[in-house]
């Protein structure tokens, strides 16, 4: 039987998982709300499916499900649309992955968290994630795995463009620490979990190097041979409400479980390694 992944809300992280699975002979179906993305998905070996759709029909023959859709004020949009279809399909499903966020831990004043840390989200977005995780985990007999992702970067998502445009700042907030993860490491964690399913398990997905955000910007500037951008206090920074909300949480995230249980060896263990690799990729693409 062909392994088939239904990727609900087929976005940045899911695309990199598909890049690993398609060459192995997997069938990957990806939902999108935008018909103009069909050609791009098809070129990547992914069968596009317009959302919303008949989920019961979409799940026919599916063995694995990945859901990347974020919750809204009314809860998880996938379950709201098709809980009955997912429950009905549970006997055929070998693995279900739910992409969450380390924001569920809330503010730890720069302290460490692991998967057993009590959840205490500081933002409305984090509170919605806690409820959505529980919605998925509470479905009887569904082989759900939760992946709490740190801040994601990768090709096209990094500080270099803002630095070149002169719009980057080093925002300073006392004791502010973020964990991060490269999208390729997210994909390899998901693939490792698929190979070794453990329903009900929760995994933090991040690198080994939590750091203040201003340090990351300064190092990116150094790689570009630029002077680091000016420092600005958090209170004075010109930031969108979304960007500002990320600064309400400060914590360091342990990633021991993905290494010890799934055997993952991070390709990008530090922000320095990540930024070096991203710059090399950008330079190679511009040749």
C-alpha atoms as a PDB file:
ATOM      1  CA  UNK A   1       0.000   0.000   0.000  1.00  0.00           C
ATOM      2  CA  UNK A   2       1.370   3.405  -0.963  1.00  0.00           C
ATOM      3  CA  UNK A   3       2.084   5.641   1.996  1.00  0.00           C
ATOM      4  CA  UNK A   4      -0.090   8.729   1.613  1.00  0.00           C
ATOM      5  CA  UNK A   5       0.231  11.965   3.558  1.00  0.00           C
ATOM      6  CA  UNK A   6      -2.625  14.446   3.692  1.00  0.00           C
ATOM      7  CA  UNK A   7      -1.112  17.812   4.599  1.00  0.00           C
ATOM      8  CA  UNK A   8      -3.819  20.104   5.921  1.00  0.00           C
ATOM      9  CA  UNK A   9      -2.761  23.719   5.487  1.00  0.00           C
ATOM     10  CA  UNK A  10       0.265  22.850   3.369  1.00  0.00           C
ATOM     11  CA  UNK A  11       2.703  25.607   4.308  1.00  0.00           C
ATOM     12  CA  UNK A  12       6.412  26.278   4.841  1.00  0.00           C
ATOM     13  CA  UNK A  13       7.225  23.388   7.196  1.00  0.00           C
ATOM     14  CA  UNK A  14       4.996  20.883   5.407  1.00  0.00           C
ATOM     15  CA  UNK A  15       6.667  21.712   2.092  1.00  0.00           C
ATOM     16  CA  UNK A  16      10.034  20.622   3.453  1.00  0.00           C
ATOM     17  CA  UNK A  17       8.579  17.378   4.786  1.00  0.00           C
ATOM     18  CA  UNK A  18       7.130  16.690   1.336  1.00  0.00           C
ATOM     19  CA  UNK A  19      10.568  17.229  -0.173  1.00  0.00           C
ATOM     20  CA  UNK A  20      11.813  14.344   1.949  1.00  0.00           C
ATOM     21  CA  UNK A  21       8.855  12.008   1.395  1.00  0.00           C
ATOM     22  CA  UNK A  22       8.080  12.400  -2.321  1.00  0.00           C
ATOM     23  CA  UNK A  23      11.477  11.005  -3.462  1.00  0.00           C
ATOM     24  CA  UNK A  24      10.808   7.973  -1.256  1.00  0.00           C
ATOM     25  CA  UNK A  25       7.676   7.143  -3.248  1.00  0.00           C
ATOM     26  CA  UNK A  26       5.121   8.738  -0.976  1.00  0.00           C
ATOM     27  CA  UNK A  27       1.920  10.256  -2.301  1.00  0.00           C
ATOM     28  CA  UNK A  28       1.469  13.700  -0.741  1.00  0.00           C
ATOM     29  CA  UNK A  29      -1.772  15.681  -0.917  1.00  0.00           C
ATOM     30  CA  UNK A  30      -1.616  19.319   0.172  1.00  0.00           C
ATOM     31  CA  UNK A  31      -4.554  21.602   0.861  1.00  0.00           C
ATOM     32  CA  UNK A  32      -4.522  25.284   0.017  1.00  0.00           C
ATOM     33  CA  UNK A  33      -7.084  28.067  -0.107  1.00  0.00           C
ATOM     34  CA  UNK A  34      -5.419  29.570  -3.189  1.00  0.00           C
ATOM     35  CA  UNK A  35      -5.988  27.948  -6.610  1.00  0.00           C
ATOM     36  CA  UNK A  36      -3.047  29.975  -7.951  1.00  0.00           C
ATOM     37  CA  UNK A  37      -0.744  27.763  -5.860  1.00  0.00           C
ATOM     38  CA  UNK A  38      -1.793  24.579  -7.665  1.00  0.00           C
ATOM     39  CA  UNK A  39       0.944  24.747 -10.292  1.00  0.00           C
ATOM     40  CA  UNK A  40       3.642  25.320  -7.668  1.00  0.00           C
ATOM     41  CA  UNK A  41       2.467  22.386  -5.557  1.00  0.00           C
ATOM     42  CA  UNK A  42       2.234  20.113  -8.586  1.00  0.00           C
ATOM     43  CA  UNK A  43       5.798  21.022  -9.567  1.00  0.00           C
ATOM     44  CA  UNK A  44       6.891  19.907  -6.102  1.00  0.00           C
ATOM     45  CA  UNK A  45       5.245  16.510  -6.547  1.00  0.00           C
ATOM     46  CA  UNK A  46       2.323  17.407  -4.278  1.00  0.00           C
ATOM     47  CA  UNK A  47      -1.299  16.848  -5.314  1.00  0.00           C
ATOM     48  CA  UNK A  48      -3.106  20.159  -4.655  1.00  0.00           C
ATOM     49  CA  UNK A  49      -6.512  20.142  -3.016  1.00  0.00           C
ATOM     50  CA  UNK A  50      -8.617  23.266  -2.592  1.00  0.00           C
ATOM     51  CA  UNK A  51      -9.710  23.943   0.992  1.00  0.00           C
ATOM     52  CA  UNK A  52     -12.384  23.733   2.284  1.00  0.00           C
ATOM     53  CA  UNK A  53     -13.112  20.320   0.865  1.00  0.00           C
ATOM     54  CA  UNK A  54     -15.006  17.113   1.535  1.00  0.00           C
ATOM     55  CA  UNK A  55     -12.626  15.830   4.205  1.00  0.00           C
ATOM     56  CA  UNK A  56     -14.115  12.346   4.321  1.00  0.00           C
ATOM     57  CA  UNK A  57     -13.400  11.945   0.631  1.00  0.00           C
ATOM     58  CA  UNK A  58      -9.939  13.514   0.936  1.00  0.00           C
ATOM     59  CA  UNK A  59      -9.018  10.986   3.641  1.00  0.00           C
ATOM     60  CA  UNK A  60      -9.760   7.975   1.434  1.00  0.00           C
ATOM     61  CA  UNK A  61      -6.579   5.897   1.216  1.00  0.00           C
ATOM     62  CA  UNK A  62      -4.657   8.286   3.471  1.00  0.00           C
ATOM     63  CA  UNK A  63      -2.263   6.703   5.984  1.00  0.00           C
ATOM     64  CA  UNK A  64      -0.723   9.818   7.541  1.00  0.00           C
ATOM     65  CA  UNK A  65      -2.012  13.312   8.322  1.00  0.00           C
ATOM     66  CA  UNK A  66      -0.125  16.520   9.109  1.00  0.00           C
ATOM     67  CA  UNK A  67      -2.082  19.564  10.206  1.00  0.00           C
ATOM     68  CA  UNK A  68      -0.456  22.986  10.177  1.00  0.00           C
ATOM     69  CA  UNK A  69      -3.560  25.152  10.440  1.00  0.00           C
ATOM     70  CA  UNK A  70      -3.523  27.530  13.378  1.00  0.00           C
ATOM     71  CA  UNK A  71      -6.543  27.831  15.674  1.00  0.00           C
ATOM     72  CA  UNK A  72      -8.783  30.864  15.712  1.00  0.00           C
ATOM     73  CA  UNK A  73     -11.178  32.275  18.286  1.00  0.00           C
ATOM     74  CA  UNK A  74     -13.579  29.388  17.634  1.00  0.00           C
ATOM     75  CA  UNK A  75     -11.001  26.627  18.015  1.00  0.00           C
ATOM     76  CA  UNK A  76      -9.197  24.381  15.573  1.00  0.00           C
ATOM     77  CA  UNK A  77     -10.504  25.021  12.031  1.00  0.00           C
ATOM     78  CA  UNK A  78      -9.786  21.506  10.763  1.00  0.00           C
ATOM     79  CA  UNK A  79     -11.737  19.817  13.548  1.00  0.00           C
ATOM     80  CA  UNK A  80     -14.530  22.361  13.274  1.00  0.00           C
ATOM     81  CA  UNK A  81     -14.844  21.528   9.585  1.00  0.00           C
ATOM     82  CA  UNK A  82     -14.387  17.770   9.674  1.00  0.00           C
ATOM     83  CA  UNK A  83     -14.051  16.174  13.109  1.00  0.00           C
ATOM     84  CA  UNK A  84     -16.436  13.362  12.217  1.00  0.00           C
ATOM     85  CA  UNK A  85     -14.447  12.520   9.087  1.00  0.00           C
ATOM     86  CA  UNK A  86     -11.185  12.390  11.057  1.00  0.00           C
ATOM     87  CA  UNK A  87     -12.707  10.218  13.764  1.00  0.00           C
ATOM     88  CA  UNK A  88     -14.101   7.871  11.119  1.00  0.00           C
ATOM     89  CA  UNK A  89     -10.704   7.609   9.424  1.00  0.00           C
ATOM     90  CA  UNK A  90      -8.746   6.945  12.628  1.00  0.00           C
ATOM     91  CA  UNK A  91      -8.574   3.130  12.196  1.00  0.00           C
ATOM     92  CA  UNK A  92      -6.670   3.526   8.904  1.00  0.00           C
ATOM     93  CA  UNK A  93      -4.297   6.258  10.105  1.00  0.00           C
ATOM     94  CA  UNK A  94      -0.794   5.266  11.201  1.00  0.00           C
ATOM     95  CA  UNK A  95       0.342   8.729  12.268  1.00  0.00           C
ATOM     96  CA  UNK A  96      -1.125  12.188  12.778  1.00  0.00           C
ATOM     97  CA  UNK A  97       1.089  15.220  13.390  1.00  0.00           C
ATOM     98  CA  UNK A  98      -0.113  18.497  14.859  1.00  0.00           C
ATOM     99  CA  UNK A  99       2.203  21.513  14.505  1.00  0.00           C
ATOM    100  CA  UNK A 100       1.968  23.681  17.613  1.00  0.00           C
ATOM    101  CA  UNK A 101       4.265  26.274  19.169  1.00  0.00           C
ATOM    102  CA  UNK A 102       6.555  26.676  22.168  1.00  0.00           C
ATOM    103  CA  UNK A 103       4.378  29.696  22.964  1.00  0.00           C
ATOM    104  CA  UNK A 104       2.186  27.307  24.986  1.00  0.00           C
ATOM    105  CA  UNK A 105       4.768  27.479  27.801  1.00  0.00           C
ATOM    106  CA  UNK A 106       4.306  31.211  28.245  1.00  0.00           C
ATOM    107  CA  UNK A 107       6.858  33.488  29.842  1.00  0.00           C
ATOM    108  CA  UNK A 108       9.569  31.752  31.882  1.00  0.00           C
ATOM    109  CA  UNK A 109      11.775  34.841  32.379  1.00  0.00           C
ATOM    110  CA  UNK A 110      14.539  33.225  30.363  1.00  0.00           C
ATOM    111  CA  UNK A 111      14.322  29.888  32.193  1.00  0.00           C
ATOM    112  CA  UNK A 112      14.367  26.414  30.666  1.00  0.00           C
ATOM    113  CA  UNK A 113      11.296  24.406  29.672  1.00  0.00           C
ATOM    114  CA  UNK A 114      10.789  20.848  28.496  1.00  0.00           C
ATOM    115  CA  UNK A 115       7.756  18.860  27.402  1.00  0.00           C
ATOM    116  CA  UNK A 116       6.723  18.280  31.037  1.00  0.00           C
ATOM    117  CA  UNK A 117       6.670  21.973  31.941  1.00  0.00           C
ATOM    118  CA  UNK A 118       3.146  23.112  32.888  1.00  0.00           C
ATOM    119  CA  UNK A 119       1.515  25.106  30.113  1.00  0.00           C
ATOM    120  CA  UNK A 120       0.977  28.764  30.950  1.00  0.00           C
ATOM    121  CA  UNK A 121       0.537  30.780  27.735  1.00  0.00           C
ATOM    122  CA  UNK A 122       0.898  34.532  28.023  1.00  0.00           C
ATOM    123  CA  UNK A 123      -0.890  35.451  24.798  1.00  0.00           C
ATOM    124  CA  UNK A 124      -4.323  34.790  23.355  1.00  0.00           C
ATOM    125  CA  UNK A 125      -2.598  32.994  20.473  1.00  0.00           C
ATOM    126  CA  UNK A 126      -0.836  30.686  22.934  1.00  0.00           C
ATOM    127  CA  UNK A 127      -4.047  29.969  24.820  1.00  0.00           C
ATOM    128  CA  UNK A 128      -5.741  28.947  21.582  1.00  0.00           C
ATOM    129  CA  UNK A 129      -2.860  26.580  20.839  1.00  0.00           C
ATOM    130  CA  UNK A 130      -3.227  24.869  24.223  1.00  0.00           C
ATOM    131  CA  UNK A 131      -6.904  24.261  23.554  1.00  0.00           C
ATOM    132  CA  UNK A 132      -6.227  23.026  20.017  1.00  0.00           C
ATOM    133  CA  UNK A 133      -3.547  20.598  21.200  1.00  0.00           C
ATOM    134  CA  UNK A 134      -6.012  19.188  23.700  1.00  0.00           C
ATOM    135  CA  UNK A 135      -8.760  18.932  21.064  1.00  0.00           C
ATOM    136  CA  UNK A 136      -6.526  16.737  18.913  1.00  0.00           C
ATOM    137  CA  UNK A 137      -5.054  14.667  21.737  1.00  0.00           C
ATOM    138  CA  UNK A 138      -8.495  13.948  23.199  1.00  0.00           C
ATOM    139  CA  UNK A 139      -9.823  12.220  20.076  1.00  0.00           C
ATOM    140  CA  UNK A 140     -10.008   8.518  21.048  1.00  0.00           C
ATOM    141  CA  UNK A 141      -7.710   6.120  19.157  1.00  0.00           C
ATOM    142  CA  UNK A 142      -6.287   8.838  16.908  1.00  0.00           C
ATOM    143  CA  UNK A 143      -2.457   8.447  16.723  1.00  0.00           C
ATOM    144  CA  UNK A 144      -1.707  12.129  17.382  1.00  0.00           C
ATOM    145  CA  UNK A 145       1.804  13.527  17.885  1.00  0.00           C
ATOM    146  CA  UNK A 146       2.265  17.172  18.895  1.00  0.00           C
ATOM    147  CA  UNK A 147       5.282  19.175  17.746  1.00  0.00           C
ATOM    148  CA  UNK A 148       5.918  22.440  19.577  1.00  0.00           C
ATOM    149  CA  UNK A 149       7.950  24.525  17.165  1.00  0.00           C
ATOM    150  CA  UNK A 150      10.253  27.354  18.175  1.00  0.00           C
ATOM    151  CA  UNK A 151      10.728  30.397  15.926  1.00  0.00           C
ATOM    152  CA  UNK A 152      11.136  29.132  12.361  1.00  0.00           C
ATOM    153  CA  UNK A 153      13.692  30.283   9.860  1.00  0.00           C
ATOM    154  CA  UNK A 154      15.068  28.977   6.602  1.00  0.00           C
ATOM    155  CA  UNK A 155      15.352  30.012   2.939  1.00  0.00           C
ATOM    156  CA  UNK A 156      13.651  33.364   2.493  1.00  0.00           C
ATOM    157  CA  UNK A 157      13.016  33.723   6.216  1.00  0.00           C
ATOM    158  CA  UNK A 158      15.898  35.423   7.933  1.00  0.00           C
ATOM    159  CA  UNK A 159      17.394  38.787   8.905  1.00  0.00           C
ATOM    160  CA  UNK A 160      19.512  39.416   5.810  1.00  0.00           C
ATOM    161  CA  UNK A 161      16.866  41.148   3.688  1.00  0.00           C
ATOM    162  CA  UNK A 162      15.970  43.619   6.460  1.00  0.00           C
ATOM    163  CA  UNK A 163      19.628  44.335   7.103  1.00  0.00           C
ATOM    164  CA  UNK A 164      20.268  45.074   3.433  1.00  0.00           C
ATOM    165  CA  UNK A 165      17.245  47.375   3.305  1.00  0.00           C
ATOM    166  CA  UNK A 166      18.394  49.192   6.437  1.00  0.00           C
ATOM    167  CA  UNK A 167      15.200  48.445   8.346  1.00  0.00           C
ATOM    168  CA  UNK A 168      16.554  45.953  10.884  1.00  0.00           C
ATOM    169  CA  UNK A 169      16.938  46.906  14.544  1.00  0.00           C
ATOM    170  CA  UNK A 170      18.399  45.278  17.578  1.00  0.00           C
ATOM    171  CA  UNK A 171      15.422  45.354  19.930  1.00  0.00           C
ATOM    172  CA  UNK A 172      16.582  45.262  23.533  1.00  0.00           C
ATOM    173  CA  UNK A 173      14.414  43.827  26.280  1.00  0.00           C
ATOM    174  CA  UNK A 174      15.947  42.681  29.552  1.00  0.00           C
ATOM    175  CA  UNK A 175      16.317  38.893  29.907  1.00  0.00           C
ATOM    176  CA  UNK A 176      14.712  38.290  26.483  1.00  0.00           C
ATOM    177  CA  UNK A 177      15.680  34.863  25.134  1.00  0.00           C
ATOM    178  CA  UNK A 178      14.232  33.006  22.138  1.00  0.00           C
ATOM    179  CA  UNK A 179      14.712  29.481  20.856  1.00  0.00           C
ATOM    180  CA  UNK A 180      14.722  28.890  17.115  1.00  0.00           C
ATOM    181  CA  UNK A 181      14.590  26.067  14.596  1.00  0.00           C
ATOM    182  CA  UNK A 182      15.493  25.647  10.942  1.00  0.00           C
ATOM    183  CA  UNK A 183      12.710  24.371   8.709  1.00  0.00           C
ATOM    184  CA  UNK A 184      14.855  21.465   7.478  1.00  0.00           C
ATOM    185  CA  UNK A 185      15.276  20.264  11.052  1.00  0.00           C
ATOM    186  CA  UNK A 186      11.508  20.440  11.536  1.00  0.00           C
ATOM    187  CA  UNK A 187      11.102  18.207   8.483  1.00  0.00           C
ATOM    188  CA  UNK A 188      13.618  15.651   9.701  1.00  0.00           C
ATOM    189  CA  UNK A 189      11.963  15.523  13.133  1.00  0.00           C
ATOM    190  CA  UNK A 190       8.591  14.841  11.501  1.00  0.00           C
ATOM    191  CA  UNK A 191      10.066  12.138   9.271  1.00  0.00           C
ATOM    192  CA  UNK A 192      11.762  10.511  12.275  1.00  0.00           C
ATOM    193  CA  UNK A 193       8.474  10.488  14.184  1.00  0.00           C
ATOM    194  CA  UNK A 194       6.669   8.950  11.219  1.00  0.00           C
ATOM    195  CA  UNK A 195       9.266   6.175  11.220  1.00  0.00           C
ATOM    196  CA  UNK A 196       8.857   5.682  14.972  1.00  0.00           C
ATOM    197  CA  UNK A 197       5.298   6.599  15.948  1.00  0.00           C
ATOM    198  CA  UNK A 198       4.404   7.060  19.604  1.00  0.00           C
ATOM    199  CA  UNK A 199       0.794   8.283  19.761  1.00  0.00           C
ATOM    200  CA  UNK A 200       0.112  10.936  22.359  1.00  0.00           C
ATOM    201  CA  UNK A 201       3.742  12.060  22.513  1.00  0.00           C
ATOM    202  CA  UNK A 202       4.741  15.727  22.531  1.00  0.00           C
ATOM    203  CA  UNK A 203       8.057  16.980  21.127  1.00  0.00           C
ATOM    204  CA  UNK A 204       9.802  20.330  21.373  1.00  0.00           C
ATOM    205  CA  UNK A 205      11.454  21.202  18.062  1.00  0.00           C
ATOM    206  CA  UNK A 206      14.283  23.716  18.377  1.00  0.00           C
ATOM    207  CA  UNK A 207      18.043  24.050  18.104  1.00  0.00           C
ATOM    208  CA  UNK A 208      20.642  23.890  20.889  1.00  0.00           C
ATOM    209  CA  UNK A 209      21.280  27.605  21.081  1.00  0.00           C
ATOM    210  CA  UNK A 210      18.619  29.881  22.582  1.00  0.00           C
ATOM    211  CA  UNK A 211      19.812  33.467  22.393  1.00  0.00           C
ATOM    212  CA  UNK A 212      18.759  37.107  22.720  1.00  0.00           C
ATOM    213  CA  UNK A 213      17.302  38.350  19.427  1.00  0.00           C
ATOM    214  CA  UNK A 214      19.736  41.255  19.206  1.00  0.00           C
ATOM    215  CA  UNK A 215      22.664  38.802  19.175  1.00  0.00           C
ATOM    216  CA  UNK A 216      21.250  37.057  16.126  1.00  0.00           C
ATOM    217  CA  UNK A 217      20.826  40.334  14.256  1.00  0.00           C
ATOM    218  CA  UNK A 218      24.351  41.427  15.182  1.00  0.00           C
ATOM    219  CA  UNK A 219      25.852  38.174  13.932  1.00  0.00           C
ATOM    220  CA  UNK A 220      23.902  38.373  10.663  1.00  0.00           C
ATOM    221  CA  UNK A 221      25.267  41.890  10.155  1.00  0.00           C
ATOM    222  CA  UNK A 222      28.788  40.618  10.821  1.00  0.00           C
ATOM    223  CA  UNK A 223      28.373  37.956   8.141  1.00  0.00           C
ATOM    224  CA  UNK A 224      27.296  40.637   5.670  1.00  0.00           C
ATOM    225  CA  UNK A 225      30.272  42.812   6.599  1.00  0.00           C
ATOM    226  CA  UNK A 226      27.943  45.524   7.883  1.00  0.00           C
ATOM    227  CA  UNK A 227      27.855  47.573  11.024  1.00  0.00           C
ATOM    228  CA  UNK A 228      25.211  46.169  13.366  1.00  0.00           C
ATOM    229  CA  UNK A 229      21.964  48.153  13.281  1.00  0.00           C
ATOM    230  CA  UNK A 230      21.180  50.532  16.134  1.00  0.00           C
ATOM    231  CA  UNK A 231      19.821  49.298  19.415  1.00  0.00           C
ATOM    232  CA  UNK A 232      16.304  50.326  20.333  1.00  0.00           C
ATOM    233  CA  UNK A 233      14.469  49.553  23.531  1.00  0.00           C
ATOM    234  CA  UNK A 234      11.449  47.299  23.376  1.00  0.00           C
ATOM    235  CA  UNK A 235       9.257  50.147  24.625  1.00  0.00           C
ATOM    236  CA  UNK A 236      10.415  52.471  21.839  1.00  0.00           C
ATOM    237  CA  UNK A 237      10.577  49.924  19.000  1.00  0.00           C
ATOM    238  CA  UNK A 238       8.266  50.404  16.020  1.00  0.00           C
ATOM    239  CA  UNK A 239       6.756  46.918  15.828  1.00  0.00           C
ATOM    240  CA  UNK A 240       3.501  45.386  14.676  1.00  0.00           C
ATOM    241  CA  UNK A 241       1.206  44.044  17.397  1.00  0.00           C
ATOM    242  CA  UNK A 242       2.035  40.523  16.215  1.00  0.00           C
ATOM    243  CA  UNK A 243       5.799  41.086  16.435  1.00  0.00           C
ATOM    244  CA  UNK A 244       5.454  42.778  19.805  1.00  0.00           C
ATOM    245  CA  UNK A 245       3.451  39.862  21.187  1.00  0.00           C
ATOM    246  CA  UNK A 246       6.391  37.495  20.610  1.00  0.00           C
ATOM    247  CA  UNK A 247       8.380  39.497  23.153  1.00  0.00           C
ATOM    248  CA  UNK A 248       5.866  38.645  25.892  1.00  0.00           C
ATOM    249  CA  UNK A 249       7.535  35.222  26.192  1.00  0.00           C
ATOM    250  CA  UNK A 250      11.146  34.661  27.233  1.00  0.00           C
ATOM    251  CA  UNK A 251      12.431  31.117  27.630  1.00  0.00           C
ATOM    252  CA  UNK A 252      15.002  28.512  26.687  1.00  0.00           C
ATOM    253  CA  UNK A 253      13.605  25.293  25.253  1.00  0.00           C
ATOM    254  CA  UNK A 254      15.067  21.827  25.822  1.00  0.00           C
ATOM    255  CA  UNK A 255      15.159  19.521  22.779  1.00  0.00           C
ATOM    256  CA  UNK A 256      16.499  16.328  24.402  1.00  0.00           C
ATOM    257  CA  UNK A 257      13.443  14.253  23.491  1.00  0.00           C
ATOM    258  CA  UNK A 258      13.828  14.543  19.714  1.00  0.00           C
ATOM    259  CA  UNK A 259      17.425  13.390  20.064  1.00  0.00           C
ATOM    260  CA  UNK A 260      16.983  10.613  22.613  1.00  0.00           C
ATOM    261  CA  UNK A 261      13.699   9.137  21.354  1.00  0.00           C
ATOM    262  CA  UNK A 262      13.820   9.895  17.632  1.00  0.00           C
ATOM    263  CA  UNK A 263      17.569   9.807  17.073  1.00  0.00           C
ATOM    264  CA  UNK A 264      17.602  13.226  15.436  1.00  0.00           C
ATOM    265  CA  UNK A 265      20.957  14.865  14.757  1.00  0.00           C
ATOM    266  CA  UNK A 266      20.293  18.519  14.061  1.00  0.00           C
ATOM    267  CA  UNK A 267      21.601  19.844  10.771  1.00  0.00           C
ATOM    268  CA  UNK A 268      21.471  23.381  12.185  1.00  0.00           C
ATOM    269  CA  UNK A 269      22.286  23.169  15.918  1.00  0.00           C
ATOM    270  CA  UNK A 270      23.085  26.887  16.425  1.00  0.00           C
ATOM    271  CA  UNK A 271      21.926  30.203  15.027  1.00  0.00           C
ATOM    272  CA  UNK A 272      25.454  30.847  13.815  1.00  0.00           C
ATOM    273  CA  UNK A 273      25.483  27.648  11.756  1.00  0.00           C
ATOM    274  CA  UNK A 274      22.033  28.460  10.444  1.00  0.00           C
ATOM    275  CA  UNK A 275      22.864  32.000   9.354  1.00  0.00           C
ATOM    276  CA  UNK A 276      26.117  30.891   7.724  1.00  0.00           C
ATOM    277  CA  UNK A 277      24.254  28.243   5.703  1.00  0.00           C
ATOM    278  CA  UNK A 278      21.429  30.606   4.754  1.00  0.00           C
ATOM    279  CA  UNK A 279      23.862  33.219   3.473  1.00  0.00           C
ATOM    280  CA  UNK A 280      25.732  30.646   1.399  1.00  0.00           C
ATOM    281  CA  UNK A 281      22.428  29.508  -0.114  1.00  0.00           C
ATOM    282  CA  UNK A 282      21.467  33.087  -0.957  1.00  0.00           C
ATOM    283  CA  UNK A 283      24.832  33.752  -2.548  1.00  0.00           C
ATOM    284  CA  UNK A 284      24.725  30.532  -4.562  1.00  0.00           C
ATOM    285  CA  UNK A 285      21.219  31.324  -5.805  1.00  0.00           C
ATOM    286  CA  UNK A 286      22.292  34.764  -7.011  1.00  0.00           C
ATOM    287  CA  UNK A 287      25.107  33.441  -9.205  1.00  0.00           C
END
